[in-house]
N, C-alpha and C. Protein backbone atom coordinates (compact mmCIF):
# COMPACT_ATOMS: atom_id res chain seq x y z
N MET A 1 -12.46 20.46 6.33
CA MET A 1 -11.79 20.42 6.15
C MET A 1 -11.30 21.01 4.74
N ASN A 2 -10.40 21.94 3.90
CA ASN A 2 -10.01 22.31 2.84
C ASN A 2 -8.65 21.72 2.54
N VAL A 3 -9.28 20.82 1.31
CA VAL A 3 -8.16 19.63 0.79
C VAL A 3 -6.86 20.59 -0.31
N ASP A 4 -6.09 20.53 0.14
CA ASP A 4 -4.92 21.20 -0.58
C ASP A 4 -4.74 20.50 -1.77
N LEU A 5 -5.22 20.80 -3.45
CA LEU A 5 -4.97 20.04 -4.52
C LEU A 5 -3.83 20.52 -5.47
N SER A 6 -2.88 21.38 -4.60
CA SER A 6 -1.83 21.42 -5.31
C SER A 6 -0.69 20.39 -5.70
N PRO A 7 -0.24 20.03 -7.28
CA PRO A 7 0.14 18.94 -7.54
C PRO A 7 1.73 18.19 -6.81
N LEU A 8 1.77 17.83 -6.97
CA LEU A 8 2.99 17.48 -6.02
C LEU A 8 4.51 17.50 -7.06
N PRO A 9 5.58 18.60 -6.12
CA PRO A 9 6.22 18.74 -6.56
C PRO A 9 6.85 18.12 -8.07
N VAL A 10 8.14 18.80 -8.58
CA VAL A 10 8.16 18.36 -10.45
C VAL A 10 10.04 17.95 -9.81
N ALA A 11 9.94 18.18 -8.94
CA ALA A 11 11.67 17.70 -8.47
C ALA A 11 11.60 17.58 -6.70
N ALA A 12 12.32 16.76 -6.82
CA ALA A 12 12.84 16.21 -5.80
C ALA A 12 13.52 16.87 -4.66
N VAL A 13 12.89 17.46 -3.40
CA VAL A 13 13.80 18.10 -2.51
C VAL A 13 14.07 18.04 -1.65
N PRO A 14 14.62 18.68 -0.57
CA PRO A 14 14.84 18.05 0.61
C PRO A 14 13.86 19.69 1.90
N PRO A 15 13.28 19.23 2.58
CA PRO A 15 13.73 17.86 3.20
C PRO A 15 13.04 16.12 2.74
N TYR A 16 13.56 14.91 3.42
CA TYR A 16 13.56 13.94 3.23
C TYR A 16 12.82 13.15 4.16
N LEU A 17 12.13 11.83 3.60
CA LEU A 17 12.48 10.62 4.83
C LEU A 17 12.77 10.14 4.20
N CYS A 18 13.50 9.13 5.37
CA CYS A 18 14.62 8.12 4.58
C CYS A 18 15.29 8.26 3.75
N ASP A 19 15.61 9.59 3.71
CA ASP A 19 17.28 10.61 2.65
C ASP A 19 16.70 9.93 1.17
N TYR A 20 15.72 9.83 0.53
CA TYR A 20 15.15 9.52 -0.44
C TYR A 20 13.77 10.15 -0.82
N ILE A 21 13.12 10.31 0.05
CA ILE A 21 11.64 10.75 -0.64
C ILE A 21 11.24 12.60 -0.08
N PRO A 22 10.68 13.17 -0.78
CA PRO A 22 10.44 14.06 -0.49
C PRO A 22 9.12 14.44 0.45
N LEU A 23 9.35 15.40 1.89
CA LEU A 23 8.52 15.57 2.96
C LEU A 23 7.35 16.13 2.29
N ARG A 24 7.17 17.20 1.55
CA ARG A 24 6.48 17.80 1.15
C ARG A 24 5.22 16.92 0.19
N ALA A 25 5.96 16.31 -0.95
CA ALA A 25 5.20 15.23 -1.56
C ALA A 25 3.90 14.42 -1.04
N VAL A 26 4.90 13.96 0.26
CA VAL A 26 4.32 12.95 1.15
C VAL A 26 3.18 13.90 2.35
N GLU A 27 3.19 14.77 2.41
CA GLU A 27 2.47 15.72 3.23
C GLU A 27 1.01 15.94 1.91
N LEU A 28 0.86 16.17 0.75
CA LEU A 28 0.73 17.03 0.06
C LEU A 28 -0.39 15.27 0.04
N MET A 29 -0.01 14.06 -0.60
CA MET A 29 -0.57 13.13 -0.76
C MET A 29 -1.02 12.55 -0.12
N THR A 30 -1.18 12.14 1.42
CA THR A 30 -1.46 11.69 2.84
C THR A 30 -2.15 12.86 3.62
N GLY A 31 -2.20 14.15 3.75
CA GLY A 31 -3.09 15.20 4.67
C GLY A 31 -2.15 15.17 5.71
N VAL A 32 -1.04 14.41 5.94
CA VAL A 32 -0.28 14.26 7.41
C VAL A 32 0.76 15.50 7.12
N ARG A 33 0.91 15.85 8.15
CA ARG A 33 2.10 16.80 8.92
C ARG A 33 2.83 16.11 9.56
N ASP A 34 4.18 16.32 8.99
CA ASP A 34 4.93 15.83 10.04
C ASP A 34 4.70 14.13 10.32
N PRO A 35 4.74 13.51 9.48
CA PRO A 35 4.35 11.92 9.87
C PRO A 35 4.99 11.76 10.26
N LEU A 36 5.27 10.64 11.21
CA LEU A 36 6.62 9.38 12.10
C LEU A 36 6.60 8.67 10.65
N VAL A 37 7.84 8.08 10.75
CA VAL A 37 8.51 8.08 9.37
C VAL A 37 9.81 6.63 10.30
N ARG A 38 9.42 5.51 9.64
CA ARG A 38 10.57 3.87 10.01
C ARG A 38 10.73 3.69 8.52
N GLY A 39 12.17 3.25 9.08
CA GLY A 39 13.05 2.77 7.55
C GLY A 39 13.89 3.51 7.39
N ARG A 40 14.78 2.74 6.13
CA ARG A 40 15.42 3.16 5.47
C ARG A 40 15.90 2.58 4.12
N PHE A 41 16.59 3.16 3.55
CA PHE A 41 17.16 2.46 1.99
C PHE A 41 19.12 2.52 1.87
N ASP A 42 18.96 0.85 1.48
CA ASP A 42 20.16 0.25 0.87
C ASP A 42 20.78 0.38 -0.18
N LEU A 43 21.60 1.36 -1.34
CA LEU A 43 21.57 1.31 -2.42
C LEU A 43 22.40 0.39 -2.79
N VAL A 44 23.44 -0.08 -1.52
CA VAL A 44 24.65 -1.13 -2.54
C VAL A 44 24.49 -2.46 -1.61
N GLU A 45 23.67 -3.16 -1.26
CA GLU A 45 23.02 -4.12 -0.60
C GLU A 45 21.98 -4.34 -1.20
N PRO A 46 21.54 -5.60 -1.51
CA PRO A 46 22.08 -6.82 -1.70
C PRO A 46 22.21 -6.97 -3.20
N LYS A 47 23.25 -7.79 -3.57
CA LYS A 47 23.44 -7.90 -4.94
C LYS A 47 23.88 -6.35 -5.58
N ARG A 48 24.02 -5.41 -4.83
CA ARG A 48 24.27 -3.75 -5.56
C ARG A 48 22.72 -3.29 -6.47
N LEU A 49 21.90 -3.65 -6.10
CA LEU A 49 20.56 -3.98 -6.49
C LEU A 49 19.68 -2.14 -5.45
N GLY A 50 19.81 -2.64 -4.14
CA GLY A 50 19.47 -1.97 -3.31
C GLY A 50 18.69 -2.42 -2.67
N GLU A 51 17.59 -2.21 -1.31
CA GLU A 51 16.61 -2.86 -0.88
C GLU A 51 16.25 -1.84 0.05
N GLY A 52 15.20 -2.09 0.92
CA GLY A 52 15.06 -0.84 1.97
C GLY A 52 13.34 -0.79 2.07
N SER A 53 12.93 -0.04 2.83
CA SER A 53 11.57 0.35 2.99
C SER A 53 11.58 2.10 3.37
N CYS A 54 10.72 2.77 3.54
CA CYS A 54 9.96 3.61 4.16
C CYS A 54 8.58 3.75 4.07
N ILE A 55 7.73 3.74 5.89
CA ILE A 55 6.85 3.65 5.93
C ILE A 55 6.17 4.79 7.27
N ALA A 56 5.23 5.52 6.23
CA ALA A 56 4.82 7.04 7.33
C ALA A 56 3.80 6.61 7.75
N TYR A 57 3.83 7.33 8.87
CA TYR A 57 2.11 6.86 10.07
C TYR A 57 2.17 8.53 10.24
N ARG A 58 0.44 8.64 10.25
CA ARG A 58 -0.21 9.70 10.99
C ARG A 58 0.50 9.02 12.82
N ARG A 59 0.64 10.32 13.22
CA ARG A 59 0.67 10.66 14.69
C ARG A 59 -0.19 10.55 15.45
N ASP A 60 -1.44 11.27 15.27
CA ASP A 60 -2.42 10.56 16.13
C ASP A 60 -3.03 9.46 16.31
N GLY A 61 -4.40 8.95 17.14
CA GLY A 61 -4.82 7.69 17.57
C GLY A 61 -4.05 6.10 17.20
N ASP A 62 -4.47 5.52 16.55
CA ASP A 62 -3.39 4.26 16.71
C ASP A 62 -2.89 3.97 15.84
N ARG A 63 -2.28 5.70 15.06
CA ARG A 63 -0.95 5.29 14.12
C ARG A 63 -1.04 4.67 12.84
N PRO A 64 -2.10 4.89 12.36
CA PRO A 64 -2.57 3.99 11.16
C PRO A 64 -1.09 4.47 9.95
N LYS A 65 -0.87 3.57 9.13
CA LYS A 65 -0.13 3.34 8.28
C LYS A 65 -0.73 4.55 7.11
N VAL A 66 -0.11 5.24 6.58
CA VAL A 66 -0.44 5.77 5.63
C VAL A 66 -0.20 6.05 4.34
N LEU A 67 1.77 5.80 3.80
CA LEU A 67 2.21 5.56 2.73
C LEU A 67 3.48 4.34 3.23
N HIS A 68 3.62 3.41 2.23
CA HIS A 68 4.87 2.59 2.52
C HIS A 68 5.03 2.34 0.81
N VAL A 69 6.80 2.80 1.06
CA VAL A 69 7.46 2.57 -0.10
C VAL A 69 8.79 1.65 -0.28
N ASP A 70 8.64 0.61 -1.17
CA ASP A 70 9.37 -0.19 -0.91
C ASP A 70 10.29 -0.78 -1.90
N LEU A 71 11.86 -0.78 -1.74
CA LEU A 71 12.58 -1.84 -3.16
C LEU A 71 13.07 -2.80 -2.33
N THR A 72 13.20 -3.50 -3.30
CA THR A 72 13.72 -4.77 -3.35
C THR A 72 14.42 -5.72 -4.86
N PRO A 73 15.03 -6.54 -4.83
CA PRO A 73 16.18 -7.41 -5.67
C PRO A 73 15.31 -8.08 -5.89
N ASP A 74 14.47 -8.29 -5.75
CA ASP A 74 12.88 -9.73 -6.49
C ASP A 74 12.44 -9.72 -7.31
N GLY A 75 11.99 -8.08 -8.31
CA GLY A 75 11.54 -7.86 -9.24
C GLY A 75 11.42 -8.64 -10.22
N TYR A 76 10.45 -8.38 -10.93
CA TYR A 76 9.74 -9.71 -11.96
C TYR A 76 8.89 -8.99 -12.81
N SER A 77 9.48 -8.73 -13.94
CA SER A 77 8.48 -7.89 -15.02
C SER A 77 6.94 -8.11 -15.24
N GLY A 78 6.85 -9.65 -15.65
CA GLY A 78 5.92 -10.09 -15.41
C GLY A 78 4.81 -9.78 -14.55
N GLU A 79 4.84 -9.14 -13.59
CA GLU A 79 3.75 -8.95 -13.26
C GLU A 79 3.24 -7.54 -13.24
N ALA A 80 4.19 -6.80 -13.52
CA ALA A 80 4.02 -5.29 -14.42
C ALA A 80 3.24 -5.58 -15.53
N LYS A 81 3.19 -6.35 -16.36
CA LYS A 81 2.86 -6.79 -17.65
C LYS A 81 0.93 -7.37 -17.36
N GLU A 82 1.50 -8.19 -16.61
CA GLU A 82 0.01 -8.74 -15.52
C GLU A 82 -1.03 -7.75 -15.46
N GLN A 83 -0.66 -7.21 -14.49
CA GLN A 83 -1.38 -5.62 -13.74
C GLN A 83 -1.92 -4.52 -15.37
N ILE A 84 -1.53 -4.39 -16.09
CA ILE A 84 -1.36 -3.41 -17.08
C ILE A 84 -2.81 -4.13 -17.70
N LYS A 85 -2.52 -5.65 -18.04
CA LYS A 85 -3.32 -6.84 -19.12
C LYS A 85 -4.88 -6.29 -18.02
N ASP A 86 -4.99 -6.40 -16.84
CA ASP A 86 -5.98 -6.64 -16.02
C ASP A 86 -6.43 -5.37 -15.54
N GLY A 87 -6.17 -4.31 -16.33
CA GLY A 87 -6.42 -2.89 -16.32
C GLY A 87 -5.90 -1.54 -15.16
N ALA A 88 -4.38 -1.64 -14.79
CA ALA A 88 -3.82 -0.98 -14.73
C ALA A 88 -3.21 -0.31 -15.29
N LEU A 89 -2.69 1.04 -15.17
CA LEU A 89 -2.80 1.78 -16.05
C LEU A 89 -0.70 1.84 -16.67
N PRO A 90 -0.33 2.18 -17.43
CA PRO A 90 1.10 1.86 -17.32
C PRO A 90 2.01 2.62 -17.35
N LEU A 91 2.79 2.87 -16.41
CA LEU A 91 3.63 3.79 -16.04
C LEU A 91 4.52 4.27 -17.59
N PRO A 92 4.62 5.79 -17.48
CA PRO A 92 5.49 6.41 -19.12
C PRO A 92 6.83 5.78 -18.32
N GLU A 93 8.05 6.10 -19.37
CA GLU A 93 8.93 5.08 -18.75
C GLU A 93 9.82 6.58 -18.29
N ILE A 94 10.42 5.58 -16.65
CA ILE A 94 10.82 7.28 -16.09
C ILE A 94 11.95 6.64 -15.80
N VAL A 95 12.48 5.18 -16.04
CA VAL A 95 13.92 4.97 -15.99
C VAL A 95 14.05 4.10 -16.68
N PRO A 96 15.42 4.26 -17.99
CA PRO A 96 15.70 3.11 -19.09
C PRO A 96 15.39 1.66 -18.98
N GLY A 97 14.90 1.24 -19.49
CA GLY A 97 14.59 -0.72 -19.24
C GLY A 97 13.28 -0.51 -17.88
N GLY A 98 12.55 0.34 -17.96
CA GLY A 98 11.59 -0.11 -16.77
C GLY A 98 10.43 -0.32 -17.18
N ILE A 99 9.28 -0.78 -16.51
CA ILE A 99 8.11 -1.24 -16.95
C ILE A 99 7.50 -0.30 -15.40
N GLY A 100 6.06 -0.62 -15.52
CA GLY A 100 5.76 -0.70 -14.43
C GLY A 100 3.59 -0.15 -14.18
N PHE A 101 3.33 -0.39 -13.30
CA PHE A 101 1.91 0.37 -13.52
C PHE A 101 1.30 0.72 -12.22
N TYR A 102 0.37 2.01 -12.48
CA TYR A 102 -0.07 2.61 -11.60
C TYR A 102 -1.44 2.42 -11.52
N PHE A 103 -2.41 2.45 -10.31
CA PHE A 103 -4.40 2.79 -10.66
C PHE A 103 -4.00 3.01 -8.68
N LYS A 104 -5.71 3.34 -8.55
CA LYS A 104 -5.91 3.86 -7.39
C LYS A 104 -6.87 2.81 -7.16
N ASP A 105 -7.32 2.33 -6.13
CA ASP A 105 -7.96 1.41 -5.14
C ASP A 105 -9.17 1.60 -5.57
N LYS A 106 -9.97 0.87 -6.13
CA LYS A 106 -11.89 1.46 -6.67
C LYS A 106 -12.25 0.76 -5.22
N ASN A 107 -12.09 -0.15 -4.88
CA ASN A 107 -12.46 -0.15 -3.63
C ASN A 107 -12.65 -0.08 -1.81
N SER A 108 -11.56 1.25 -2.47
CA SER A 108 -10.89 1.46 -0.80
C SER A 108 -11.78 2.46 -0.45
N ARG A 109 -11.84 2.48 0.73
CA ARG A 109 -12.58 3.53 0.98
C ARG A 109 -11.57 4.54 2.55
N ASN A 110 -10.41 4.22 1.69
CA ASN A 110 -9.01 5.02 2.26
C ASN A 110 -8.33 6.03 1.20
N ASN A 111 -9.24 5.84 0.29
CA ASN A 111 -8.50 6.35 -1.19
C ASN A 111 -6.83 6.18 -1.67
N ALA A 112 -6.87 4.48 -1.44
CA ALA A 112 -5.87 4.01 -1.67
C ALA A 112 -4.79 3.95 -3.16
N ALA A 113 -3.97 4.34 -3.26
CA ALA A 113 -3.65 4.08 -4.57
C ALA A 113 -2.50 3.20 -4.72
N TYR A 114 -1.90 2.65 -6.17
CA TYR A 114 -0.82 2.24 -5.84
C TYR A 114 0.23 2.04 -7.12
N ALA A 115 1.60 2.51 -6.48
CA ALA A 115 2.21 1.94 -8.25
C ALA A 115 3.30 0.78 -7.89
N MET A 116 3.85 0.26 -9.10
CA MET A 116 5.25 -0.66 -8.93
C MET A 116 6.17 -0.22 -10.41
N LEU A 117 7.07 0.09 -10.49
CA LEU A 117 8.23 0.05 -11.46
C LEU A 117 9.89 -1.19 -11.52
N VAL A 118 9.72 -1.86 -12.27
CA VAL A 118 10.53 -3.11 -12.63
C VAL A 118 11.10 -2.40 -13.36
N ARG A 119 12.92 -3.16 -13.30
CA ARG A 119 13.91 -2.90 -14.11
C ARG A 119 14.71 -3.72 -13.62
N GLY A 120 15.13 -4.56 -14.53
CA GLY A 120 16.11 -5.91 -14.14
C GLY A 120 15.21 -6.68 -12.82
N ARG A 121 16.31 -6.81 -12.36
CA ARG A 121 16.07 -7.55 -10.53
C ARG A 121 14.98 -6.28 -9.79
N ALA A 122 15.32 -5.06 -10.19
CA ALA A 122 15.32 -4.47 -8.67
C ALA A 122 13.49 -3.75 -9.06
N GLU A 123 12.66 -3.34 -7.83
CA GLU A 123 11.44 -3.08 -8.55
C GLU A 123 11.01 -1.93 -7.04
N LEU A 124 10.43 -1.22 -6.96
CA LEU A 124 10.32 -0.40 -6.71
C LEU A 124 8.40 -0.11 -6.17
N THR A 125 7.91 0.13 -5.37
CA THR A 125 6.32 -0.29 -5.19
C THR A 125 6.32 1.33 -3.94
N ILE A 126 5.10 1.35 -4.35
CA ILE A 126 4.54 2.81 -3.47
C ILE A 126 2.89 2.55 -2.59
N ARG A 127 2.85 2.25 -2.01
CA ARG A 127 1.31 1.92 -1.58
C ARG A 127 1.59 3.32 -0.97
N LEU A 128 0.53 3.98 -1.12
CA LEU A 128 -0.60 4.92 -0.37
C LEU A 128 -1.88 4.22 -0.01
N GLU A 129 -1.81 4.21 1.46
CA GLU A 129 -2.53 3.54 2.10
C GLU A 129 -4.18 3.97 2.51
N ARG A 130 -3.68 5.45 2.44
CA ARG A 130 -4.13 6.29 3.17
C ARG A 130 -4.71 7.46 2.25
N GLY A 131 -4.74 8.28 1.23
CA GLY A 131 -5.10 9.01 0.08
C GLY A 131 -6.39 10.30 0.87
N VAL A 132 -5.87 12.22 0.47
CA VAL A 132 -6.63 13.11 0.77
C VAL A 132 -8.20 12.47 0.01
N ALA A 133 -8.84 12.62 0.48
CA ALA A 133 -10.06 12.79 -0.50
C ALA A 133 -10.16 14.04 -1.05
N GLY A 134 -10.66 13.54 -2.48
CA GLY A 134 -10.82 14.71 -3.19
C GLY A 134 -9.37 15.17 -3.93
N ARG A 135 -8.36 14.52 -3.73
CA ARG A 135 -7.20 14.48 -4.81
C ARG A 135 -7.25 13.59 -5.94
N ASP A 136 -6.15 13.53 -6.76
CA ASP A 136 -6.40 12.30 -8.13
C ASP A 136 -5.08 11.80 -6.91
N ASN A 137 -5.87 10.86 -6.36
CA ASN A 137 -4.71 10.03 -6.04
C ASN A 137 -3.34 8.74 -6.88
N ALA A 138 -4.26 8.72 -7.76
CA ALA A 138 -3.70 7.94 -9.19
C ALA A 138 -2.21 8.41 -9.56
N ALA A 139 -3.01 9.79 -9.92
CA ALA A 139 -1.89 10.95 -10.55
C ALA A 139 -0.45 10.68 -9.12
N ASP A 140 -1.13 11.08 -8.21
CA ASP A 140 0.34 11.59 -6.81
C ASP A 140 0.73 9.97 -6.71
N VAL A 141 0.53 9.34 -6.80
CA VAL A 141 1.25 7.86 -6.74
C VAL A 141 2.09 7.65 -8.04
N LEU A 142 1.82 8.12 -9.21
CA LEU A 142 2.49 8.33 -10.56
C LEU A 142 3.60 9.68 -10.57
N ALA A 143 3.44 10.54 -9.04
CA ALA A 143 3.87 11.85 -9.54
C ALA A 143 5.40 11.71 -8.53
N LEU A 144 4.87 10.84 -7.47
CA LEU A 144 6.03 10.38 -6.08
C LEU A 144 7.02 9.25 -6.72
N MET A 145 6.24 8.34 -7.77
CA MET A 145 7.37 7.13 -8.60
C MET A 145 8.29 8.26 -9.92
N LYS A 146 8.01 9.21 -10.22
CA LYS A 146 8.83 10.02 -10.99
C LYS A 146 9.42 10.81 -10.24
N LEU A 147 9.56 11.25 -8.90
CA LEU A 147 10.35 11.71 -8.03
C LEU A 147 11.32 10.84 -7.50
N ILE A 148 10.92 9.62 -6.94
CA ILE A 148 11.94 8.40 -6.41
C ILE A 148 12.34 7.79 -7.09
N ALA A 149 12.03 7.75 -7.94
CA ALA A 149 12.68 6.22 -8.87
C ALA A 149 13.86 5.90 -9.41
N PRO A 150 14.07 7.61 -10.17
CA PRO A 150 15.15 7.94 -10.44
C PRO A 150 16.73 7.60 -9.77
N ARG A 151 16.40 8.05 -8.39
CA ARG A 151 17.48 7.92 -7.48
C ARG A 151 17.03 6.70 -6.92
N LEU A 152 16.61 6.10 -6.32
CA LEU A 152 16.10 4.78 -5.64
C LEU A 152 16.53 3.63 -6.96
N ILE A 153 16.01 3.39 -7.98
CA ILE A 153 16.75 2.35 -9.29
C ILE A 153 17.59 2.31 -9.76
N THR A 154 18.87 1.87 -9.24
CA THR A 154 20.15 2.43 -9.95
C THR A 154 20.44 1.85 -11.17
N ASP A 155 21.56 2.20 -11.74
CA ASP A 155 22.04 1.69 -13.10
C ASP A 155 22.54 -0.43 -12.75
N ALA A 156 22.31 -0.11 -11.51
CA ALA A 156 23.07 -1.86 -11.02
C ALA A 156 21.86 -1.98 -11.31
N GLY A 157 20.12 -1.84 -11.60
CA GLY A 157 18.90 -2.58 -11.65
C GLY A 157 18.71 -2.69 -13.14
N ALA A 158 19.73 -2.21 -14.16
CA ALA A 158 19.43 -2.73 -15.75
C ALA A 158 19.66 -4.35 -15.87
N PRO A 159 18.86 -4.88 -17.07
CA PRO A 159 20.02 -6.29 -17.18
C PRO A 159 20.95 -5.87 -18.20
N SER A 160 22.04 -6.40 -17.81
CA SER A 160 22.76 -5.64 -19.31
C SER A 160 22.24 -5.96 -20.59
N ALA A 161 22.83 -5.50 -21.40
CA ALA A 161 22.93 -6.46 -23.16
C ALA A 161 22.45 -7.70 -23.23
N SER A 162 23.57 -8.74 -22.51
CA SER A 162 23.63 -10.21 -22.66
C SER A 162 22.42 -10.78 -21.98
N ALA A 163 22.23 -10.46 -21.28
CA ALA A 163 22.01 -11.16 -19.69
C ALA A 163 20.00 -11.61 -20.53
N GLY A 164 19.60 -12.58 -20.14
CA GLY A 164 17.79 -12.58 -20.51
C GLY A 164 17.33 -12.24 -19.70
N PRO A 165 16.01 -11.90 -20.07
CA PRO A 165 14.68 -11.62 -18.98
C PRO A 165 14.97 -11.66 -17.47
N SER A 166 15.29 -12.75 -17.73
CA SER A 166 15.02 -12.80 -16.11
C SER A 166 16.34 -12.93 -15.29
N SER A 167 17.39 -12.49 -15.58
CA SER A 167 18.94 -12.95 -15.51
C SER A 167 19.01 -11.27 -14.53
N SER A 168 20.12 -11.71 -13.62
CA SER A 168 20.39 -10.33 -12.87
C SER A 168 21.48 -9.89 -12.99
N LYS A 169 22.48 -10.16 -13.75
CA LYS A 169 23.99 -10.04 -13.97
C LYS A 169 24.46 -8.53 -14.71
N ARG A 170 25.54 -7.96 -13.53
CA ARG A 170 25.58 -7.09 -13.66
C ARG A 170 27.30 -6.62 -14.88
N SER A 171 26.69 -5.69 -15.87
CA SER A 171 27.79 -5.64 -16.50
C SER A 171 29.12 -5.12 -16.18
N SER A 172 30.12 -5.43 -15.97
CA SER A 172 31.09 -4.33 -15.94
C SER A 172 31.66 -3.33 -16.47
């Protein structure tokens, strides 16, 4: 099998999975064409931070999960700081006030890679469960984070200027 080493797109363009995740990016990083997809994102609730998930599966065999993207209003920047301290690579600034990390799982036989971004209480996690052998799987989760985080982590996820580090208050 020839590995498509094309870089992930630099702009999010349709078609999308779960309304926010570019299909072309998922196909390149997982090697799965026309994945089976479950999930959705609600960017209005809870507490106006948004939440939801999108899971992509292979359609063949036992339909293994290949990619899982999760948005939660329970983020904690301390987790990102700990992962970076333990050797994960820090994310560049993707959204103002965000902190995050990414890495390739060195023990995975499935070329797994992970990325997490926290802004205020909003947390976006990308788990590439089955990446393509021969691709830079860590670079793929970083590139996907750059594509989707600006749309999924909204201004409501940012801490207000008067809020403390653990507060989820929103300025009006």
